[in-house]
Amino acid sequence: MKKDFKNATIVDVRTPEEFAGEHFPDAINIPLEQVQQNIEKFKEMPKPVIAYCRSGNRSGMVVAMLKQSGINEVINGGGLDELLQSSK
Protein backbone atom coordinates (compact mmCIF):
# COMPACT_ATOMS: atom_id res chain seq x y z
CA MET A 1 0.00 0.00 0.00
CA LYS A 2 1.44 3.34 -1.05
CA LYS A 3 1.15 5.98 1.66
CA ASP A 4 0.58 9.63 0.82
CA PHE A 5 3.47 11.64 2.24
CA LYS A 6 2.78 14.88 0.38
CA ASN A 7 1.44 16.97 3.26
CA ALA A 8 2.61 14.79 6.13
CA THR A 9 5.36 15.49 8.65
CA ILE A 10 7.69 12.51 8.89
CA VAL A 11 9.28 12.13 12.33
CA ASP A 12 12.10 9.70 13.05
CA VAL A 13 11.92 8.81 16.76
CA ARG A 14 15.18 6.84 16.79
CA THR A 15 18.41 8.07 18.37
CA PRO A 16 20.44 10.80 16.62
CA GLU A 17 23.07 8.13 15.87
CA GLU A 18 20.52 5.90 14.12
CA PHE A 19 19.15 8.93 12.26
CA ALA A 20 22.64 9.91 11.10
CA GLY A 21 23.20 6.42 9.71
CA GLU A 22 20.11 6.45 7.47
CA HIS A 23 16.73 8.14 7.53
CA PHE A 24 13.64 8.79 5.46
CA PRO A 25 14.09 11.75 3.06
CA ASP A 26 13.05 15.06 4.70
CA ALA A 27 12.33 13.37 8.05
CA ILE A 28 13.00 15.28 11.24
CA ASN A 29 14.60 13.57 14.22
CA ILE A 30 12.89 13.81 17.60
CA PRO A 31 14.06 10.82 19.66
CA LEU A 32 11.48 8.99 21.78
CA GLU A 33 13.05 10.36 24.98
CA GLN A 34 12.46 13.94 23.77
CA VAL A 35 8.87 13.60 22.53
CA GLN A 36 7.20 14.66 25.78
CA GLN A 37 9.04 17.99 25.97
CA ASN A 38 8.31 18.65 22.27
CA ILE A 39 4.51 18.23 22.39
CA GLU A 40 3.95 21.88 21.42
CA LYS A 41 6.24 21.44 18.41
CA PHE A 42 4.21 18.38 17.36
CA LYS A 43 0.98 20.38 17.68
CA GLU A 44 2.33 22.95 15.18
CA MET A 45 3.48 20.39 12.59
CA PRO A 46 1.57 19.91 9.33
CA LYS A 47 -0.69 16.88 9.73
CA PRO A 48 -0.73 14.00 9.56
CA VAL A 49 2.39 13.26 11.57
CA ILE A 50 3.93 9.93 10.59
CA ALA A 51 6.30 8.56 13.23
CA TYR A 52 8.74 5.77 12.49
CA CYS A 53 11.68 3.99 14.14
CA ARG A 54 13.58 0.77 13.46
CA SER A 55 10.79 -1.75 14.03
CA GLY A 56 7.61 0.22 14.77
CA ASN A 57 7.83 -0.28 18.55
CA ARG A 58 9.11 3.16 19.60
CA SER A 59 6.93 4.90 17.02
CA GLY A 60 3.92 3.07 18.46
CA MET A 61 4.75 4.52 21.88
CA VAL A 62 5.07 8.00 20.35
CA VAL A 63 1.69 7.68 18.62
CA ALA A 64 0.10 6.76 21.99
CA MET A 65 1.81 9.72 23.73
CA LEU A 66 0.72 12.20 21.06
CA LYS A 67 -2.87 10.94 21.07
CA GLN A 68 -2.95 11.31 24.88
CA SER A 69 -1.85 14.93 24.30
CA GLY A 70 -4.76 15.57 21.94
CA ILE A 71 -2.90 15.12 18.64
CA ASN A 72 -5.06 12.66 16.74
CA GLU A 73 -3.72 12.94 13.20
CA VAL A 74 -0.73 10.75 13.95
CA ILE A 75 0.22 7.49 12.25
CA ASN A 76 2.65 4.75 13.20
CA GLY A 77 4.73 4.42 10.04
CA GLY A 78 6.43 1.32 11.42
CA GLY A 79 10.07 0.66 10.70
CA LEU A 80 12.30 2.65 8.34
CA ASP A 81 12.53 -0.18 5.78
CA GLU A 82 8.76 -0.58 5.78
CA LEU A 83 8.25 3.16 5.34
CA LEU A 84 10.77 3.37 2.49
CA GLN A 85 9.00 0.49 0.71
CA SER A 86 5.55 2.03 1.11
CA SER A 87 6.72 5.36 -0.34
CA LYS A 88 7.76 3.83 -3.68
PDB file of N, CA and C in Angstrom:
ATOM      1  N   MET A   1       0.845  -1.187   0.000  1.00  0.00           N
ATOM      2  CA  MET A   1       0.000   0.000   0.000  1.00  0.00           C
ATOM      3  C   MET A   1       0.888   1.247   0.000  1.00  0.00           C
ATOM      4  N   LYS A   2       0.663   2.112  -0.978  1.00  0.00           N
ATOM      5  CA  LYS A   2       1.444   3.344  -1.053  1.00  0.00           C
ATOM      6  C   LYS A   2       0.823   4.374  -0.117  1.00  0.00           C
ATOM      7  N   LYS A   3       1.640   4.953   0.739  1.00  0.00           N
ATOM      8  CA  LYS A   3       1.147   5.981   1.656  1.00  0.00           C
ATOM      9  C   LYS A   3       1.340   7.346   1.010  1.00  0.00           C
ATOM     10  N   ASP A   4       0.476   8.270   1.351  1.00  0.00           N
ATOM     11  CA  ASP A   4       0.581   9.632   0.825  1.00  0.00           C
ATOM     12  C   ASP A   4       1.382  10.486   1.800  1.00  0.00           C
ATOM     13  N   PHE A   5       2.579  10.876   1.384  1.00  0.00           N
ATOM     14  CA  PHE A   5       3.465  11.643   2.244  1.00  0.00           C
ATOM     15  C   PHE A   5       3.485  13.122   1.892  1.00  0.00           C
ATOM     16  N   LYS A   6       2.691  13.525   0.922  1.00  0.00           N
ATOM     17  CA  LYS A   6       2.782  14.876   0.384  1.00  0.00           C
ATOM     18  C   LYS A   6       2.663  15.970   1.448  1.00  0.00           C
ATOM     19  N   ASN A   7       1.647  15.910   2.271  1.00  0.00           N
ATOM     20  CA  ASN A   7       1.439  16.971   3.256  1.00  0.00           C
ATOM     21  C   ASN A   7       1.783  16.538   4.672  1.00  0.00           C
ATOM     22  N   ALA A   8       2.328  15.335   4.803  1.00  0.00           N
ATOM     23  CA  ALA A   8       2.610  14.787   6.130  1.00  0.00           C
ATOM     24  C   ALA A   8       3.947  15.298   6.670  1.00  0.00           C
ATOM     25  N   THR A   9       4.078  15.250   7.989  1.00  0.00           N
ATOM     26  CA  THR A   9       5.358  15.494   8.647  1.00  0.00           C
ATOM     27  C   THR A   9       5.894  14.134   9.060  1.00  0.00           C
ATOM     28  N   ILE A  10       7.075  13.796   8.581  1.00  0.00           N
ATOM     29  CA  ILE A  10       7.693  12.505   8.892  1.00  0.00           C
ATOM     30  C   ILE A  10       8.657  12.714  10.051  1.00  0.00           C
ATOM     31  N   VAL A  11       8.446  11.976  11.138  1.00  0.00           N
ATOM     32  CA  VAL A  11       9.282  12.131  12.329  1.00  0.00           C
ATOM     33  C   VAL A  11       9.961  10.802  12.645  1.00  0.00           C
ATOM     34  N   ASP A  12      11.282  10.843  12.680  1.00  0.00           N
ATOM     35  CA  ASP A  12      12.103   9.695  13.049  1.00  0.00           C
ATOM     36  C   ASP A  12      12.312   9.771  14.559  1.00  0.00           C
ATOM     37  N   VAL A  13      11.827   8.761  15.295  1.00  0.00           N
ATOM     38  CA  VAL A  13      11.919   8.807  16.756  1.00  0.00           C
ATOM     39  C   VAL A  13      13.080   7.956  17.280  1.00  0.00           C
ATOM     40  N   ARG A  14      13.984   7.594  16.383  1.00  0.00           N
ATOM     41  CA  ARG A  14      15.181   6.840  16.794  1.00  0.00           C
ATOM     42  C   ARG A  14      16.220   7.805  17.372  1.00  0.00           C
ATOM     43  N   THR A  15      17.337   7.246  17.808  1.00  0.00           N
ATOM     44  CA  THR A  15      18.412   8.068  18.370  1.00  0.00           C
ATOM     45  C   THR A  15      19.068   8.901  17.266  1.00  0.00           C
ATOM     46  N   PRO A  16      19.727   9.999  17.631  1.00  0.00           N
ATOM     47  CA  PRO A  16      20.445  10.796  16.624  1.00  0.00           C
ATOM     48  C   PRO A  16      21.481   9.961  15.860  1.00  0.00           C
ATOM     49  N   GLU A  17      22.081   8.986  16.531  1.00  0.00           N
ATOM     50  CA  GLU A  17      23.071   8.133  15.870  1.00  0.00           C
ATOM     51  C   GLU A  17      22.413   7.276  14.781  1.00  0.00           C
ATOM     52  N   GLU A  18      21.253   6.701  15.109  1.00  0.00           N
ATOM     53  CA  GLU A  18      20.523   5.900  14.118  1.00  0.00           C
ATOM     54  C   GLU A  18      20.090   6.783  12.946  1.00  0.00           C
ATOM     55  N   PHE A  19      19.601   7.975  13.279  1.00  0.00           N
ATOM     56  CA  PHE A  19      19.147   8.926  12.262  1.00  0.00           C
ATOM     57  C   PHE A  19      20.291   9.297  11.328  1.00  0.00           C
ATOM     58  N   ALA A  20      21.479   9.533  11.900  1.00  0.00           N
ATOM     59  CA  ALA A  20      22.643   9.915  11.098  1.00  0.00           C
ATOM     60  C   ALA A  20      23.044   8.798  10.139  1.00  0.00           C
ATOM     61  N   GLY A  21      22.832   7.548  10.544  1.00  0.00           N
ATOM     62  CA  GLY A  21      23.195   6.418   9.707  1.00  0.00           C
ATOM     63  C   GLY A  21      22.354   6.332   8.446  1.00  0.00           C
ATOM     64  N   GLU A  22      21.053   6.484   8.591  1.00  0.00           N
ATOM     65  CA  GLU A  22      20.113   6.453   7.467  1.00  0.00           C
ATOM     66  C   GLU A  22      18.772   6.938   7.976  1.00  0.00           C
ATOM     67  N   HIS A  23      18.068   7.703   7.146  1.00  0.00           N
ATOM     68  CA  HIS A  23      16.727   8.136   7.534  1.00  0.00           C
ATOM     69  C   HIS A  23      15.875   8.392   6.301  1.00  0.00           C
ATOM     70  N   PHE A  24      14.582   8.517   6.538  1.00  0.00           N
ATOM     71  CA  PHE A  24      13.637   8.790   5.463  1.00  0.00           C
ATOM     72  C   PHE A  24      13.903  10.196   4.934  1.00  0.00           C
ATOM     73  N   PRO A  25      13.843  10.399   3.620  1.00  0.00           N
ATOM     74  CA  PRO A  25      14.086  11.749   3.062  1.00  0.00           C
ATOM     75  C   PRO A  25      13.177  12.798   3.711  1.00  0.00           C
ATOM     76  N   ASP A  26      13.766  13.911   4.096  1.00  0.00           N
ATOM     77  CA  ASP A  26      13.055  15.056   4.697  1.00  0.00           C
ATOM     78  C   ASP A  26      12.477  14.788   6.089  1.00  0.00           C
ATOM     79  N   ALA A  27      12.817  13.660   6.694  1.00  0.00           N
ATOM     80  CA  ALA A  27      12.332  13.372   8.049  1.00  0.00           C
ATOM     81  C   ALA A  27      13.038  14.278   9.046  1.00  0.00           C
ATOM     82  N   ILE A  28      12.350  14.557  10.149  1.00  0.00           N
ATOM     83  CA  ILE A  28      12.997  15.278  11.243  1.00  0.00           C
ATOM     84  C   ILE A  28      13.208  14.290  12.381  1.00  0.00           C
ATOM     85  N   ASN A  29      14.242  14.506  13.152  1.00  0.00           N
ATOM     86  CA  ASN A  29      14.599  13.571  14.218  1.00  0.00           C
ATOM     87  C   ASN A  29      14.217  14.140  15.579  1.00  0.00           C
ATOM     88  N   ILE A  30      13.238  13.504  16.208  1.00  0.00           N
ATOM     89  CA  ILE A  30      12.887  13.807  17.598  1.00  0.00           C
ATOM     90  C   ILE A  30      12.879  12.465  18.316  1.00  0.00           C
ATOM     91  N   PRO A  31      13.982  12.119  18.993  1.00  0.00           N
ATOM     92  CA  PRO A  31      14.061  10.818  19.659  1.00  0.00           C
ATOM     93  C   PRO A  31      12.937  10.618  20.673  1.00  0.00           C
ATOM     94  N   LEU A  32      12.555   9.359  20.848  1.00  0.00           N
ATOM     95  CA  LEU A  32      11.483   8.989  21.778  1.00  0.00           C
ATOM     96  C   LEU A  32      11.613   9.706  23.117  1.00  0.00           C
ATOM     97  N   GLU A  33      12.822   9.760  23.663  1.00  0.00           N
ATOM     98  CA  GLU A  33      13.053  10.363  24.983  1.00  0.00           C
ATOM     99  C   GLU A  33      12.751  11.862  25.002  1.00  0.00           C
ATOM    100  N   GLN A  34      12.687  12.496  23.822  1.00  0.00           N
ATOM    101  CA  GLN A  34      12.457  13.943  23.765  1.00  0.00           C
ATOM    102  C   GLN A  34      11.051  14.323  23.310  1.00  0.00           C
ATOM    103  N   VAL A  35      10.217  13.322  23.053  1.00  0.00           N
ATOM    104  CA  VAL A  35       8.870  13.597  22.529  1.00  0.00           C
ATOM    105  C   VAL A  35       8.047  14.409  23.521  1.00  0.00           C
ATOM    106  N   GLN A  36       8.039  14.001  24.784  1.00  0.00           N
ATOM    107  CA  GLN A  36       7.195  14.657  25.780  1.00  0.00           C
ATOM    108  C   GLN A  36       7.468  16.160  25.868  1.00  0.00           C
ATOM    109  N   GLN A  37       8.745  16.556  25.863  1.00  0.00           N
ATOM    110  CA  GLN A  37       9.044  17.988  25.971  1.00  0.00           C
ATOM    111  C   GLN A  37       8.874  18.732  24.639  1.00  0.00           C
ATOM    112  N   ASN A  38       8.507  18.008  23.569  1.00  0.00           N
ATOM    113  CA  ASN A  38       8.306  18.647  22.268  1.00  0.00           C
ATOM    114  C   ASN A  38       6.851  18.590  21.804  1.00  0.00           C
ATOM    115  N   ILE A  39       5.929  18.345  22.738  1.00  0.00           N
ATOM    116  CA  ILE A  39       4.510  18.226  22.389  1.00  0.00           C
ATOM    117  C   ILE A  39       4.016  19.467  21.638  1.00  0.00           C
ATOM    118  N   GLU A  40       4.405  20.656  22.100  1.00  0.00           N
ATOM    119  CA  GLU A  40       3.947  21.883  21.418  1.00  0.00           C
ATOM    120  C   GLU A  40       4.450  21.937  19.977  1.00  0.00           C
ATOM    121  N   LYS A  41       5.675  21.486  19.770  1.00  0.00           N
ATOM    122  CA  LYS A  41       6.238  21.437  18.414  1.00  0.00           C
ATOM    123  C   LYS A  41       5.414  20.493  17.541  1.00  0.00           C
ATOM    124  N   PHE A  42       5.029  19.332  18.105  1.00  0.00           N
ATOM    125  CA  PHE A  42       4.206  18.377  17.362  1.00  0.00           C
ATOM    126  C   PHE A  42       2.853  18.992  17.001  1.00  0.00           C
ATOM    127  N   LYS A  43       2.290  19.773  17.923  1.00  0.00           N
ATOM    128  CA  LYS A  43       0.977  20.381  17.675  1.00  0.00           C
ATOM    129  C   LYS A  43       1.018  21.357  16.501  1.00  0.00           C
ATOM    130  N   GLU A  44       2.183  21.964  16.252  1.00  0.00           N
ATOM    131  CA  GLU A  44       2.326  22.950  15.181  1.00  0.00           C
ATOM    132  C   GLU A  44       2.695  22.326  13.834  1.00  0.00           C
ATOM    133  N   MET A  45       3.041  21.057  13.827  1.00  0.00           N
ATOM    134  CA  MET A  45       3.476  20.394  12.588  1.00  0.00           C
ATOM    135  C   MET A  45       2.316  20.198  11.627  1.00  0.00           C
ATOM    136  N   PRO A  46       2.603  20.276  10.307  1.00  0.00           N
ATOM    137  CA  PRO A  46       1.572  19.910   9.327  1.00  0.00           C
ATOM    138  C   PRO A  46       1.140  18.463   9.567  1.00  0.00           C
ATOM    139  N   LYS A  47      -0.157  18.215   9.450  1.00  0.00           N
ATOM    140  CA  LYS A  47      -0.694  16.885   9.728  1.00  0.00           C
ATOM    141  C   LYS A  47      -0.980  16.163   8.409  1.00  0.00           C
ATOM    142  N   PRO A  48      -0.977  14.834   8.395  1.00  0.00           N
ATOM    143  CA  PRO A  48      -0.725  13.998   9.560  1.00  0.00           C
ATOM    144  C   PRO A  48       0.755  13.933   9.909  1.00  0.00           C
ATOM    145  N   VAL A  49       1.026  13.536  11.136  1.00  0.00           N
ATOM    146  CA  VAL A  49       2.387  13.261  11.572  1.00  0.00           C
ATOM    147  C   VAL A  49       2.575  11.751  11.441  1.00  0.00           C
ATOM    148  N   ILE A  50       3.613  11.353  10.730  1.00  0.00           N
ATOM    149  CA  ILE A  50       3.932   9.932  10.589  1.00  0.00           C
ATOM    150  C   ILE A  50       5.223   9.679  11.347  1.00  0.00           C
ATOM    151  N   ALA A  51       5.132   8.887  12.416  1.00  0.00           N
ATOM    152  CA  ALA A  51       6.299   8.558  13.234  1.00  0.00           C
ATOM    153  C   ALA A  51       6.830   7.194  12.817  1.00  0.00           C
ATOM    154  N   TYR A  52       8.147   7.075  12.771  1.00  0.00           N
ATOM    155  CA  TYR A  52       8.743   5.768  12.493  1.00  0.00           C
ATOM    156  C   TYR A  52      10.009   5.581  13.323  1.00  0.00           C
ATOM    157  N   CYS A  53      10.441   4.317  13.411  1.00  0.00           N
ATOM    158  CA  CYS A  53      11.675   3.987  14.142  1.00  0.00           C
ATOM    159  C   CYS A  53      12.356   2.837  13.396  1.00  0.00           C
ATOM    160  N   ARG A  54      12.937   1.905  14.119  1.00  0.00           N
ATOM    161  CA  ARG A  54      13.585   0.766  13.456  1.00  0.00           C
ATOM    162  C   ARG A  54      12.581  -0.351  13.181  1.00  0.00           C
ATOM    163  N   SER A  55      11.700  -0.611  14.150  1.00  0.00           N
ATOM    164  CA  SER A  55      10.791  -1.752  14.026  1.00  0.00           C
ATOM    165  C   SER A  55       9.311  -1.385  14.102  1.00  0.00           C
ATOM    166  N   GLY A  56       9.008  -0.178  14.567  1.00  0.00           N
ATOM    167  CA  GLY A  56       7.612   0.225  14.774  1.00  0.00           C
ATOM    168  C   GLY A  56       7.230   0.251  16.238  1.00  0.00           C
ATOM    169  N   ASN A  57       8.126  -0.228  17.115  1.00  0.00           N
ATOM    170  CA  ASN A  57       7.835  -0.282  18.546  1.00  0.00           C
ATOM    171  C   ASN A  57       7.876   1.108  19.185  1.00  0.00           C
ATOM    172  N   ARG A  58       8.988   1.813  19.022  1.00  0.00           N
ATOM    173  CA  ARG A  58       9.109   3.161  19.602  1.00  0.00           C
ATOM    174  C   ARG A  58       8.103   4.120  18.969  1.00  0.00           C
ATOM    175  N   SER A  59       7.895   4.005  17.659  1.00  0.00           N
ATOM    176  CA  SER A  59       6.928   4.899  17.016  1.00  0.00           C
ATOM    177  C   SER A  59       5.519   4.631  17.518  1.00  0.00           C
ATOM    178  N   GLY A  60       5.218   3.385  17.866  1.00  0.00           N
ATOM    179  CA  GLY A  60       3.918   3.068  18.463  1.00  0.00           C
ATOM    180  C   GLY A  60       3.735   3.766  19.798  1.00  0.00           C
ATOM    181  N   MET A  61       4.811   3.814  20.591  1.00  0.00           N
ATOM    182  CA  MET A  61       4.749   4.518  21.883  1.00  0.00           C
ATOM    183  C   MET A  61       4.536   6.016  21.662  1.00  0.00           C
ATOM    184  N   VAL A  62       5.206   6.565  20.660  1.00  0.00           N
ATOM    185  CA  VAL A  62       5.073   7.996  20.351  1.00  0.00           C
ATOM    186  C   VAL A  62       3.646   8.312  19.912  1.00  0.00           C
ATOM    187  N   VAL A  63       3.067   7.468  19.063  1.00  0.00           N
ATOM    188  CA  VAL A  63       1.688   7.675  18.623  1.00  0.00           C
ATOM    189  C   VAL A  63       0.756   7.715  19.839  1.00  0.00           C
ATOM    190  N   ALA A  64       0.934   6.792  20.776  1.00  0.00           N
ATOM    191  CA  ALA A  64       0.101   6.765  21.987  1.00  0.00           C
ATOM    192  C   ALA A  64       0.290   8.043  22.803  1.00  0.00           C
ATOM    193  N   MET A  65       1.542   8.491  22.958  1.00  0.00           N
ATOM    194  CA  MET A  65       1.806   9.719  23.735  1.00  0.00           C
ATOM    195  C   MET A  65       1.154  10.937  23.084  1.00  0.00           C
ATOM    196  N   LEU A  66       1.277  11.035  21.760  1.00  0.00           N
ATOM    197  CA  LEU A  66       0.718  12.198  21.063  1.00  0.00           C
ATOM    198  C   LEU A  66      -0.805  12.191  21.133  1.00  0.00           C
ATOM    199  N   LYS A  67      -1.404  11.017  20.990  1.00  0.00           N
ATOM    200  CA  LYS A  67      -2.871  10.937  21.074  1.00  0.00           C
ATOM    201  C   LYS A  67      -3.349  11.324  22.469  1.00  0.00           C
ATOM    202  N   GLN A  68      -2.601  10.928  23.508  1.00  0.00           N
ATOM    203  CA  GLN A  68      -2.952  11.315  24.877  1.00  0.00           C
ATOM    204  C   GLN A  68      -2.852  12.828  25.053  1.00  0.00           C
ATOM    205  N   SER A  69      -2.024  13.473  24.228  1.00  0.00           N
ATOM    206  CA  SER A  69      -1.852  14.930  24.305  1.00  0.00           C
ATOM    207  C   SER A  69      -2.820  15.667  23.384  1.00  0.00           C
ATOM    208  N   GLY A  70      -3.751  14.940  22.781  1.00  0.00           N
ATOM    209  CA  GLY A  70      -4.763  15.571  21.942  1.00  0.00           C
ATOM    210  C   GLY A  70      -4.386  15.703  20.478  1.00  0.00           C
ATOM    211  N   ILE A  71      -3.300  15.088  20.052  1.00  0.00           N
ATOM    212  CA  ILE A  71      -2.898  15.123  18.639  1.00  0.00           C
ATOM    213  C   ILE A  71      -3.374  13.818  18.020  1.00  0.00           C
ATOM    214  N   ASN A  72      -4.457  13.881  17.246  1.00  0.00           N
ATOM    215  CA  ASN A  72      -5.065  12.656  16.737  1.00  0.00           C
ATOM    216  C   ASN A  72      -4.628  12.277  15.331  1.00  0.00           C
ATOM    217  N   GLU A  73      -4.154  13.247  14.563  1.00  0.00           N
ATOM    218  CA  GLU A  73      -3.722  12.944  13.203  1.00  0.00           C
ATOM    219  C   GLU A  73      -2.276  12.474  13.221  1.00  0.00           C
ATOM    220  N   VAL A  74      -2.072  11.314  13.814  1.00  0.00           N
ATOM    221  CA  VAL A  74      -0.730  10.753  13.948  1.00  0.00           C
ATOM    222  C   VAL A  74      -0.791   9.272  13.577  1.00  0.00           C
ATOM    223  N   ILE A  75       0.204   8.840  12.815  1.00  0.00           N
ATOM    224  CA  ILE A  75       0.220   7.491  12.254  1.00  0.00           C
ATOM    225  C   ILE A  75       1.528   6.812  12.619  1.00  0.00           C
ATOM    226  N   ASN A  76       1.443   5.540  12.981  1.00  0.00           N
ATOM    227  CA  ASN A  76       2.653   4.746  13.199  1.00  0.00           C
ATOM    228  C   ASN A  76       3.107   4.247  11.832  1.00  0.00           C
ATOM    229  N   GLY A  77       4.199   4.822  11.351  1.00  0.00           N
ATOM    230  CA  GLY A  77       4.731   4.424  10.043  1.00  0.00           C
ATOM    231  C   GLY A  77       5.501   3.120  10.089  1.00  0.00           C
ATOM    232  N   GLY A  78       5.702   2.571  11.288  1.00  0.00           N
ATOM    233  CA  GLY A  78       6.429   1.320  11.422  1.00  0.00           C
ATOM    234  C   GLY A  78       7.927   1.537  11.390  1.00  0.00           C
ATOM    235  N   GLY A  79       8.616   0.579  10.799  1.00  0.00           N
ATOM    236  CA  GLY A  79      10.069   0.664  10.703  1.00  0.00           C
ATOM    237  C   GLY A  79      10.505   1.423   9.466  1.00  0.00           C
ATOM    238  N   LEU A  80      11.744   1.879   9.466  1.00  0.00           N
ATOM    239  CA  LEU A  80      12.299   2.646   8.344  1.00  0.00           C
ATOM    240  C   LEU A  80      12.180   1.883   7.038  1.00  0.00           C
ATOM    241  N   ASP A  81      12.576   0.608   7.028  1.00  0.00           N
ATOM    242  CA  ASP A  81      12.530  -0.179   5.777  1.00  0.00           C
ATOM    243  C   ASP A  81      11.112  -0.267   5.238  1.00  0.00           C
ATOM    244  N   GLU A  82      10.178  -0.496   6.145  1.00  0.00           N
ATOM    245  CA  GLU A  82       8.755  -0.585   5.779  1.00  0.00           C
ATOM    246  C   GLU A  82       8.284   0.736   5.175  1.00  0.00           C
ATOM    247  N   LEU A  83       8.667   1.837   5.810  1.00  0.00           N
ATOM    248  CA  LEU A  83       8.254   3.162   5.344  1.00  0.00           C
ATOM    249  C   LEU A  83       8.853   3.473   3.978  1.00  0.00           C
ATOM    250  N   LEU A  84      10.120   3.147   3.789  1.00  0.00           N
ATOM    251  CA  LEU A  84      10.765   3.366   2.489  1.00  0.00           C
ATOM    252  C   LEU A  84      10.077   2.563   1.391  1.00  0.00           C
ATOM    253  N   GLN A  85       9.689   1.323   1.689  1.00  0.00           N
ATOM    254  CA  GLN A  85       8.996   0.488   0.711  1.00  0.00           C
ATOM    255  C   GLN A  85       7.639   1.061   0.345  1.00  0.00           C
ATOM    256  N   SER A  86       6.908   1.544   1.349  1.00  0.00           N
ATOM    257  CA  SER A  86       5.545   2.034   1.105  1.00  0.00           C
ATOM    258  C   SER A  86       5.526   3.385   0.401  1.00  0.00           C
ATOM    259  N   SER A  87       6.682   4.049   0.321  1.00  0.00           N
ATOM    260  CA  SER A  87       6.720   5.359  -0.340  1.00  0.00           C
ATOM    261  C   SER A  87       7.046   5.234  -1.825  1.00  0.00           C
ATOM    262  N   LYS A  88       7.371   4.037  -2.269  1.00  0.00           N
ATOM    263  CA  LYS A  88       7.763   3.830  -3.684  1.00  0.00           C
ATOM    264  C   LYS A  88       6.563   3.737  -4.578  1.00  0.00           C
TER     265      LYS A  88
END
